[in-house]
Protein backbone atom coordinates (compact mmCIF):
# COMPACT_ATOMS: atom_id res chain seq x y z
CA MET A 1 38.11 -11.80 8.70
CA LYS A 2 37.21 -8.66 11.34
CA THR A 3 38.50 -8.46 14.59
CA LYS A 4 36.06 -9.22 17.39
CA SER A 5 35.99 -6.95 20.75
CA LYS A 6 37.32 -8.43 24.07
CA GLN A 7 35.80 -11.58 25.70
CA ASN A 8 33.98 -12.47 22.45
CA ILE A 9 31.51 -9.34 22.95
CA ILE A 10 30.49 -7.65 19.66
CA SER A 11 29.95 -3.85 20.04
CA VAL A 12 27.11 -2.42 17.66
CA LEU A 13 26.49 0.93 16.85
CA ILE A 14 23.29 2.02 15.66
CA PRO A 15 24.03 5.56 14.39
CA ASP A 16 20.25 6.57 13.17
CA GLY A 17 18.81 5.97 16.71
CA GLU A 18 15.82 8.37 16.26
CA SER A 19 14.23 5.91 13.92
CA HIS A 20 10.85 4.16 15.30
CA ILE A 21 12.40 0.91 13.83
CA LEU A 22 15.05 1.34 16.91
CA LEU A 23 12.48 -0.46 19.35
CA TYR A 24 12.36 -3.36 17.23
CA VAL A 25 16.16 -3.75 16.53
CA VAL A 26 16.99 -3.26 20.11
CA ASN A 27 14.68 -6.23 21.29
CA CYS A 28 16.11 -8.45 18.89
CA LEU A 29 20.04 -7.84 19.80
CA ALA A 30 19.22 -7.80 23.38
CA GLN A 31 18.46 -11.54 23.20
CA ILE A 32 21.88 -11.99 22.48
CA LYS A 33 24.00 -11.88 25.80
CA HIS A 34 27.33 -11.05 24.08
CA ILE A 35 26.29 -7.98 22.28
CA ASP A 36 26.69 -4.38 23.74
CA ILE A 37 24.33 -1.81 21.89
CA TYR A 38 25.68 1.94 21.26
CA VAL A 39 23.08 4.08 19.75
CA MET A 40 23.47 7.71 18.20
CA SER A 41 20.52 9.94 17.95
CA ASN A 42 19.48 13.40 16.94
CA THR A 43 16.35 13.04 19.27
CA LYS A 44 17.54 14.18 22.61
CA TYR A 45 14.87 12.32 24.72
CA HIS A 46 13.63 9.07 22.56
CA PRO A 47 12.02 6.93 24.68
CA MET A 48 14.69 4.18 24.11
CA ARG A 49 17.17 6.40 25.99
CA TYR A 50 16.04 4.72 28.95
CA SER A 51 16.31 1.04 27.75
CA ARG A 52 18.07 -1.20 30.02
CA TYR A 53 19.46 -3.08 27.06
CA ILE A 54 21.21 0.10 25.54
CA LYS A 55 24.90 0.50 26.97
CA LYS A 56 25.51 3.88 25.66
CA PHE A 57 22.99 6.22 24.06
CA THR A 58 24.44 9.53 22.88
CA TYR A 59 22.66 12.42 21.26
CA TYR A 60 24.20 14.75 18.74
CA ALA A 61 22.24 17.58 17.62
CA GLU A 62 20.81 17.39 14.32
CA THR A 63 22.94 18.83 11.71
CA SER A 64 22.31 19.54 7.73
CA SER A 65 25.65 18.29 6.96
CA ASP A 66 26.12 14.64 6.14
CA LEU A 67 29.76 14.79 6.65
CA ASP A 68 29.43 16.10 10.29
CA TRP A 69 27.03 12.95 10.92
CA ILE A 70 29.71 10.58 9.63
CA GLU A 71 32.26 12.51 11.54
CA ASN A 72 30.22 11.68 14.77
CA ILE A 73 30.00 7.79 13.69
CA ASN A 74 33.87 7.89 13.48
CA LYS A 75 34.02 9.43 17.21
CA GLU A 76 31.62 6.97 18.41
CA VAL A 77 33.51 4.19 16.68
CA LYS A 78 36.73 5.06 17.96
CA ARG A 79 35.59 5.72 21.44
CA HIS A 80 33.80 2.44 22.18
CA SER A 81 36.00 0.15 19.81
CA ILE A 82 32.96 -0.47 17.87
CA ASP A 83 32.76 -3.69 15.58
CA VAL A 84 29.80 -3.50 13.52
CA VAL A 85 28.26 0.11 12.32
CA MET A 86 24.44 -0.88 11.66
CA PRO A 87 22.34 1.62 10.30
CA ILE A 88 18.42 0.80 10.21
CA PHE A 89 16.55 3.23 8.10
CA GLU A 90 16.53 4.20 4.39
CA SER A 91 17.67 7.62 4.70
CA ARG A 92 20.88 7.06 6.85
CA ILE A 93 21.69 3.73 5.28
CA LYS A 94 21.75 5.77 1.89
CA THR A 95 24.11 8.51 3.27
CA LEU A 96 26.33 5.47 4.90
CA ILE A 97 26.64 4.25 1.11
CA GLN A 98 27.47 7.62 -0.26
CA TYR A 99 30.06 8.51 2.17
CA ARG A 100 31.16 5.23 3.17
CA SER A 101 34.91 6.29 2.19
CA LYS A 102 34.70 8.86 4.94
CA ILE A 103 34.59 6.09 7.60
CA ILE A 104 37.85 5.86 8.92
CA GLN A 105 37.63 2.08 9.87
CA GLN A 106 35.99 0.60 6.88
CA ASP A 107 36.21 -2.93 8.24
CA GLN A 108 33.53 -1.88 11.03
CA LEU A 109 30.76 -1.13 8.22
CA GLY A 110 27.96 -3.41 8.36
CA LEU A 111 26.54 -4.84 4.88
CA LEU A 112 25.81 -2.38 2.35
CA SER A 113 24.84 -2.51 -1.22
CA ASN A 114 26.35 -0.10 -3.72
CA ILE A 115 24.50 3.23 -4.31
CA GLU A 116 23.44 2.42 -7.92
CA ASP A 117 21.81 -0.85 -6.49
CA TYR A 118 20.29 0.40 -3.46
CA GLU A 119 18.71 3.43 -5.14
CA THR A 120 16.98 0.96 -7.80
CA ALA A 121 15.41 -0.76 -5.12
CA PHE A 122 14.54 2.21 -3.13
CA ASN A 123 12.84 4.00 -5.79
CA LYS A 124 9.68 2.33 -6.94
CA ASN A 125 9.83 3.63 -10.58
CA LYS A 126 13.53 2.35 -10.94
CA LEU A 127 12.62 -0.88 -9.34
CA THR A 128 9.79 -1.48 -11.65
CA LYS A 129 11.93 -0.94 -14.60
CA HIS A 130 14.72 -3.02 -13.33
CA LEU A 131 12.07 -6.07 -12.98
CA GLU A 132 11.02 -5.52 -16.29
CA ALA A 133 14.66 -5.63 -17.70
CA ASN A 134 15.44 -8.74 -15.74
CA GLN A 135 12.05 -10.63 -16.62
CA ILE A 136 10.94 -10.80 -13.21
CA PRO A 137 7.07 -10.31 -12.45
CA TYR A 138 5.79 -7.06 -11.46
CA ALA A 139 2.70 -4.90 -11.35
CA LYS A 140 2.61 -2.75 -14.36
CA CYS A 141 3.00 1.41 -13.17
CA THR A 142 3.57 4.42 -14.63
CA LEU A 143 5.43 7.41 -12.98
CA VAL A 144 3.27 10.76 -12.51
CA THR A 145 4.78 13.95 -11.61
CA SER A 146 2.09 16.55 -12.95
CA PHE A 147 -1.36 16.30 -13.31
CA ALA A 148 -0.81 16.55 -17.01
CA ASP A 149 0.74 12.82 -16.81
CA LEU A 150 -2.09 11.39 -15.72
CA ASP A 151 -2.96 10.85 -19.24
CA LYS A 152 -0.30 8.22 -19.07
CA VAL A 153 -2.67 5.83 -17.07
CA ASN A 154 -4.52 5.25 -20.23
CA GLY A 155 -2.17 2.49 -20.66
CA LEU A 156 -3.24 0.66 -17.34
CA LYS A 157 -5.87 -1.46 -16.52
CA PHE A 158 -8.24 -0.28 -13.36
CA PRO A 159 -8.53 -0.65 -10.69
CA VAL A 160 -5.18 1.41 -9.45
CA ILE A 161 -3.47 2.54 -6.43
CA ILE A 162 -1.21 5.50 -6.03
CA LYS A 163 1.81 5.77 -4.16
CA PRO A 164 4.72 7.79 -3.76
CA VAL A 165 7.97 7.11 -5.54
CA GLU A 166 10.09 7.28 -2.76
CA GLY A 167 9.64 7.12 1.46
CA TYR A 168 6.45 7.41 3.23
CA GLY A 169 6.07 3.74 4.73
CA GLY A 170 3.55 2.32 6.65
CA GLY A 171 1.07 2.68 4.00
CA GLN A 172 1.08 6.49 3.82
CA GLY A 173 0.30 8.22 0.80
CA ILE A 174 -1.39 5.16 -0.97
CA PHE A 175 -4.88 5.16 -2.31
CA LYS A 176 -6.86 2.78 -4.52
CA PHE A 177 -8.89 3.98 -7.48
CA ASP A 178 -11.50 1.88 -9.42
CA SER A 179 -11.84 4.46 -12.45
CA LYS A 180 -9.74 7.24 -14.12
CA ASP A 181 -12.38 9.56 -13.16
CA GLU A 182 -12.16 8.58 -9.45
CA LEU A 183 -8.17 9.33 -9.82
CA LEU A 184 -8.44 12.59 -11.52
CA ALA A 185 -11.00 13.84 -9.05
CA HIS A 186 -8.52 13.08 -6.31
CA PHE A 187 -5.64 14.91 -7.84
CA LYS A 188 -8.09 17.99 -8.53
CA LYS A 189 -9.03 17.60 -4.77
CA TYR A 190 -5.46 17.37 -3.45
CA PRO A 191 -2.16 18.96 -4.78
CA MET A 192 0.42 16.72 -6.09
CA ILE A 193 3.30 17.34 -3.47
CA TYR A 194 5.16 14.70 -4.52
CA ASN A 195 6.09 12.35 -7.27
CA ASN A 196 3.68 9.30 -7.55
CA ILE A 197 3.57 6.18 -9.36
CA VAL A 198 0.23 4.75 -10.50
CA GLN A 199 0.17 0.90 -10.30
CA GLU A 200 -2.30 -1.57 -11.43
CA TYR A 201 -4.03 -3.14 -8.49
CA VAL A 202 -3.04 -6.97 -8.70
CA GLN A 203 -6.32 -9.08 -7.89
CA GLY A 204 -5.04 -11.64 -5.25
CA TYR A 205 -3.42 -11.30 -2.01
CA ASP A 206 -0.32 -9.64 -0.31
CA ILE A 207 2.55 -11.83 0.97
CA ASP A 208 5.74 -10.57 2.29
CA CYS A 209 9.19 -11.68 2.66
CA SER A 210 12.29 -10.61 4.74
CA VAL A 211 15.64 -10.88 3.73
CA LEU A 212 19.19 -10.86 4.78
CA CYS A 213 21.75 -11.14 1.91
CA LYS A 214 25.35 -10.75 1.01
CA ASP A 215 26.49 -10.24 -2.58
CA GLY A 216 23.09 -11.00 -4.14
CA GLN A 217 22.75 -14.37 -2.12
CA ILE A 218 19.88 -14.93 0.68
CA LEU A 219 21.64 -15.97 3.95
CA ALA A 220 18.42 -16.16 6.08
CA TYR A 221 14.64 -15.08 5.13
CA THR A 222 11.06 -15.34 6.63
CA ILE A 223 7.82 -15.69 4.45
CA GLN A 224 4.76 -14.17 6.32
CA LYS A 225 1.30 -13.36 5.16
CA GLY A 226 -1.12 -10.86 6.97
CA ASN A 227 -4.06 -12.34 8.74
CA MET A 228 -5.18 -9.31 10.69
CA ILE A 229 -5.84 -6.09 9.00
CA GLY A 230 -4.11 -3.03 10.39
CA THR A 231 -5.21 0.85 10.75
CA HIS A 232 -6.37 0.66 7.26
CA GLN A 233 -5.89 -1.53 4.04
CA PHE A 234 -2.38 -0.49 3.27
CA SER A 235 -1.08 -0.35 6.44
CA PRO A 236 1.16 -2.83 8.33
CA GLN A 237 -0.88 -5.66 9.47
CA PHE A 238 -1.64 -6.32 13.09
CA GLY A 239 -1.11 -10.01 12.61
CA VAL A 240 0.82 -12.31 10.20
CA GLN A 241 1.35 -16.15 9.78
CA PHE A 242 4.68 -17.60 8.83
CA GLN A 243 4.71 -20.03 5.89
CA TYR A 244 6.77 -21.68 3.51
CA ASN A 245 6.30 -21.11 -0.22
CA LYS A 246 9.19 -22.17 -2.85
CA LYS A 247 7.62 -20.63 -5.73
CA LEU A 248 7.83 -17.05 -3.82
CA ILE A 249 11.53 -17.41 -2.51
CA ASP A 250 12.58 -18.38 -5.60
CA THR A 251 11.33 -14.91 -7.11
CA VAL A 252 12.93 -13.28 -4.22
CA LYS A 253 16.02 -15.22 -5.03
CA HIS A 254 16.00 -13.72 -8.38
CA ILE A 255 15.09 -10.31 -7.32
CA MET A 256 18.04 -9.91 -4.91
CA LYS A 257 20.44 -11.73 -7.28
CA SER A 258 19.63 -9.18 -9.65
CA LEU A 259 20.56 -6.38 -7.53
CA ASN A 260 23.46 -8.01 -6.10
CA TRP A 261 21.95 -7.08 -2.74
CA SER A 262 23.91 -6.58 0.44
CA GLY A 263 22.07 -6.20 3.49
CA VAL A 264 18.40 -6.40 4.76
CA ALA A 265 15.30 -5.91 3.04
CA HIS A 266 11.45 -6.54 2.99
CA LEU A 267 9.83 -7.19 0.10
CA ASP A 268 6.11 -6.45 -0.46
CA MET A 269 5.04 -8.95 -2.99
CA ARG A 270 1.49 -9.77 -4.22
CA TYR A 271 0.11 -13.15 -5.68
CA ASP A 272 -1.76 -12.73 -8.92
CA ALA A 273 -4.63 -14.85 -8.92
CA HIS A 274 -5.00 -14.42 -12.84
CA THR A 275 -1.59 -15.08 -13.66
CA ASP A 276 -1.02 -17.68 -10.66
CA GLN A 277 2.57 -15.27 -10.18
CA TYR A 278 4.20 -13.68 -7.37
CA LYS A 279 4.86 -10.43 -8.51
CA ALA A 280 7.07 -7.56 -6.37
CA ILE A 281 5.26 -4.45 -5.69
CA GLU A 282 8.11 -2.71 -3.59
CA ILE A 283 11.12 -3.22 -1.46
CA ASN A 284 11.80 -1.61 1.82
CA THR A 285 15.46 -1.29 2.07
CA ARG A 286 15.94 -1.10 5.83
CA PHE A 287 14.96 -3.07 8.99
CA TRP A 288 11.03 -3.45 9.50
CA VAL A 289 8.38 -3.24 12.33
CA SER A 290 7.68 -6.78 12.37
CA LEU A 291 11.24 -7.80 13.27
CA GLU A 292 10.17 -9.40 16.45
CA ALA A 293 7.34 -11.57 14.48
CA SER A 294 10.64 -13.12 12.68
CA LEU A 295 12.40 -13.40 16.13
CA LEU A 296 9.54 -15.48 17.46
CA ALA A 297 9.14 -17.62 14.62
CA GLY A 298 13.29 -18.51 15.10
CA VAL A 299 15.20 -15.83 13.00
CA ASN A 300 17.22 -12.71 14.53
CA PHE A 301 17.97 -10.83 11.34
CA PRO A 302 19.61 -7.88 13.20
CA TYR A 303 22.02 -10.51 15.14
CA LEU A 304 22.55 -12.62 11.88
CA TYR A 305 23.47 -9.27 9.97
CA CYS A 306 26.18 -8.67 12.67
CA LEU A 307 27.70 -12.23 12.22
CA SER A 308 27.68 -11.60 8.45
CA SER A 309 29.06 -8.22 8.64
CA LEU A 310 31.78 -9.91 10.66
CA ASP A 311 32.57 -12.67 8.15
CA LYS A 312 31.15 -15.35 10.28
CA GLU A 313 29.50 -18.21 8.68
CA PHE A 314 26.11 -19.37 10.02
CA ILE A 315 23.60 -22.16 9.03
CA ALA A 316 20.46 -20.54 7.42
CA PRO A 317 17.79 -20.86 10.07
CA GLU A 318 14.54 -22.63 9.69
CA TYR A 319 11.58 -20.59 11.15
CA LYS A 320 8.51 -22.04 12.67
CA VAL A 321 5.29 -21.97 11.11
CA ILE A 322 3.18 -19.80 13.46
CA ASP A 323 0.63 -17.09 13.88
CA PHE A 324 2.02 -13.70 15.34
CA LEU A 325 0.15 -10.68 16.88
CA ASN A 326 1.64 -7.26 17.66
CA LEU A 327 0.53 -5.52 20.38
CA LYS A 328 -2.34 -3.41 18.88
CA GLY A 329 -3.13 -6.79 17.43
CA LEU A 330 -3.51 -8.82 20.71
CA ILE A 331 -5.56 -5.67 22.14
CA LYS A 332 -8.10 -6.03 19.35
CA GLN A 333 -8.02 -9.60 19.63
CA ILE A 334 -8.90 -9.41 23.28
CA LYS A 335 -11.66 -7.10 22.75
CA LYS A 336 -13.23 -9.22 20.15
CA ASP A 337 -12.60 -12.36 22.46
CA LYS A 338 -12.34 -11.68 26.03
CA ARG A 339 -11.46 -15.45 26.62
CA PHE A 340 -8.48 -14.78 24.83
CA ILE A 341 -6.60 -13.09 27.54
CA VAL A 342 -6.14 -16.36 29.21
CA LYS A 343 -4.26 -18.02 26.47
CA PHE A 344 -1.26 -17.63 28.03
CA ASN A 345 1.26 -19.61 25.94
CA PHE A 346 0.12 -17.82 22.73
CA ILE A 347 0.48 -14.28 24.47
CA ARG A 348 3.97 -15.50 25.68
CA ASN A 349 5.43 -17.33 22.46
CA ASN A 350 3.29 -15.44 19.82
CA THR A 351 3.14 -11.51 20.93
CA PRO A 352 5.87 -9.28 22.12
CA LEU A 353 4.20 -8.63 25.14
CA LYS A 354 7.31 -10.28 27.13
CA TYR A 355 9.94 -7.83 25.38
CA SER A 356 7.79 -4.57 26.91
CA LEU A 357 7.50 -6.43 30.32
CA SER A 358 11.25 -6.87 30.25
CA ASP A 359 12.21 -3.40 29.35
CA PRO A 360 9.13 -1.14 30.53
CA ILE A 361 10.69 2.04 30.91
CA PRO A 362 10.76 3.37 27.10
CA THR A 363 7.05 1.89 27.09
CA ILE A 364 6.42 4.00 29.90
CA TYR A 365 7.98 7.08 28.84
CA LYS A 366 6.17 6.96 25.78
CA TRP A 367 2.86 6.58 27.40
CA ILE A 368 3.32 9.45 29.71
CA TRP A 369 4.76 11.75 26.51
CA ARG A 370 1.42 10.77 24.70
CA THR A 371 -0.59 11.56 27.64
CA LYS A 372 0.92 15.03 27.90
CA ASN A 373 0.64 15.66 24.31
CA ILE A 374 -3.15 14.70 24.22
CA LEU A 375 -3.80 16.92 27.19
CA LYS A 376 -1.77 19.78 25.98
CA SER A 377 -3.72 19.52 22.54
CA LYS A 378 -7.21 19.38 24.51
CA ILE A 379 -6.22 22.70 26.45
CA ASN A 380 -5.14 24.38 23.49
CA LYS A 381 -8.23 24.02 21.82
C-alpha cells in the first residue's frame, strides 16, 4: 500500500494544469477537506492560478522535450511530498504512460493503462477494429486519409458522419452528410488537414457513460443522457439526466474489460433503434467537462481516482437520478422561462453555480480576460 501524507492529508499533483478540464477537477477535489491540490502548468496566468482551492500553482515554460516535463514532475513530487500524480488530459496522460519509467517515485503515479490499450481507445479507427474483434456492438466506419480514399465509403450506409481520428474534442470537426455527393462536396471545399473516419450515423439517441476502472474492472460509473442540446448537434450537452441502464452498463463493462482499462474514461454511446443495441461511438480517455454533474449526482470521480491510486478500497457509490444543467444551460433555461430563476433548490443542487460562487476569482479573471480580448479585436478591425 502506498504511504499517506502526514495527518491523513492526500497531496495531489495535476501536472497538465493548462487544460480547460482543470476547473472541473479542482471543484471536485475541493469538496474533500483532506486533499491538498498542487498544479503544474505551462500557462503562466491561467485563471485557476487564482483559485483558493489550489495550494500551489507552479508555472513551467512550455518545452518541446517530454523528458523536461517529466523532470519537472519529479521536482514537484519531491518538493511537496506528492502522494498521487494525476494527469487530466489526453496528450499528457499519454506522455506519462510512455515515460512512466522516468518517474523516480513510481508509487506516486495514478492509475494508468498501458500504451497499447490507451492508443486503441484513443484512436477511433483502432477502437472500431478492437470492438469488431471482441464482438462488441459498434458503428461501422472506414479510415479516410486522402480524397482518393473516399471510394471506401461505398460500403457504408448513409447518412454518415466524419470526425478526426484523434483529438479535437467538444464536437470539433464532426459533420453529418446524407449522401456521398454531400460528402465529396465537403472535401472538395475544405482540404483534408487531418485523418478522418467516416462512420455510419446510428439512428437513435446519444447516451454517455463515465467510468473509473482498475485492471479492466469498473470501480465507479454514471450514465447520463442529454436533455438540452449544446452549441450544435455534436457538442457537449448543456443539460443531462442521470439514469440507470443495465443493458448499457453491461456493454461498457465488456469494453473496459477488453481494454484492461485503468484510469478514467468517458464513453460516447448511441442507442441503435433498429438493432436494440447500445453501440460505442468513441472513448474520451481523460476527465470530462460534466464532472460537476457526476459530483452533484453523488460520484466524485477525481477523489475516487486518488483513493484507487492509493490502493484504498471503497464501496461503489450509487448515484442519484437527477437532471443537471451547466451554467450555459441555466442561462438558456432562464431566458426561455424567466420564472425558472426562483427555483432555488434546483439551482443550488442541480447546477454548478455554487462552485463558481464559492471560488469566484478564477471566473472574474476569465471574464475580464475575455472582455479585454473582445475589445482589442474590435479596436483592431
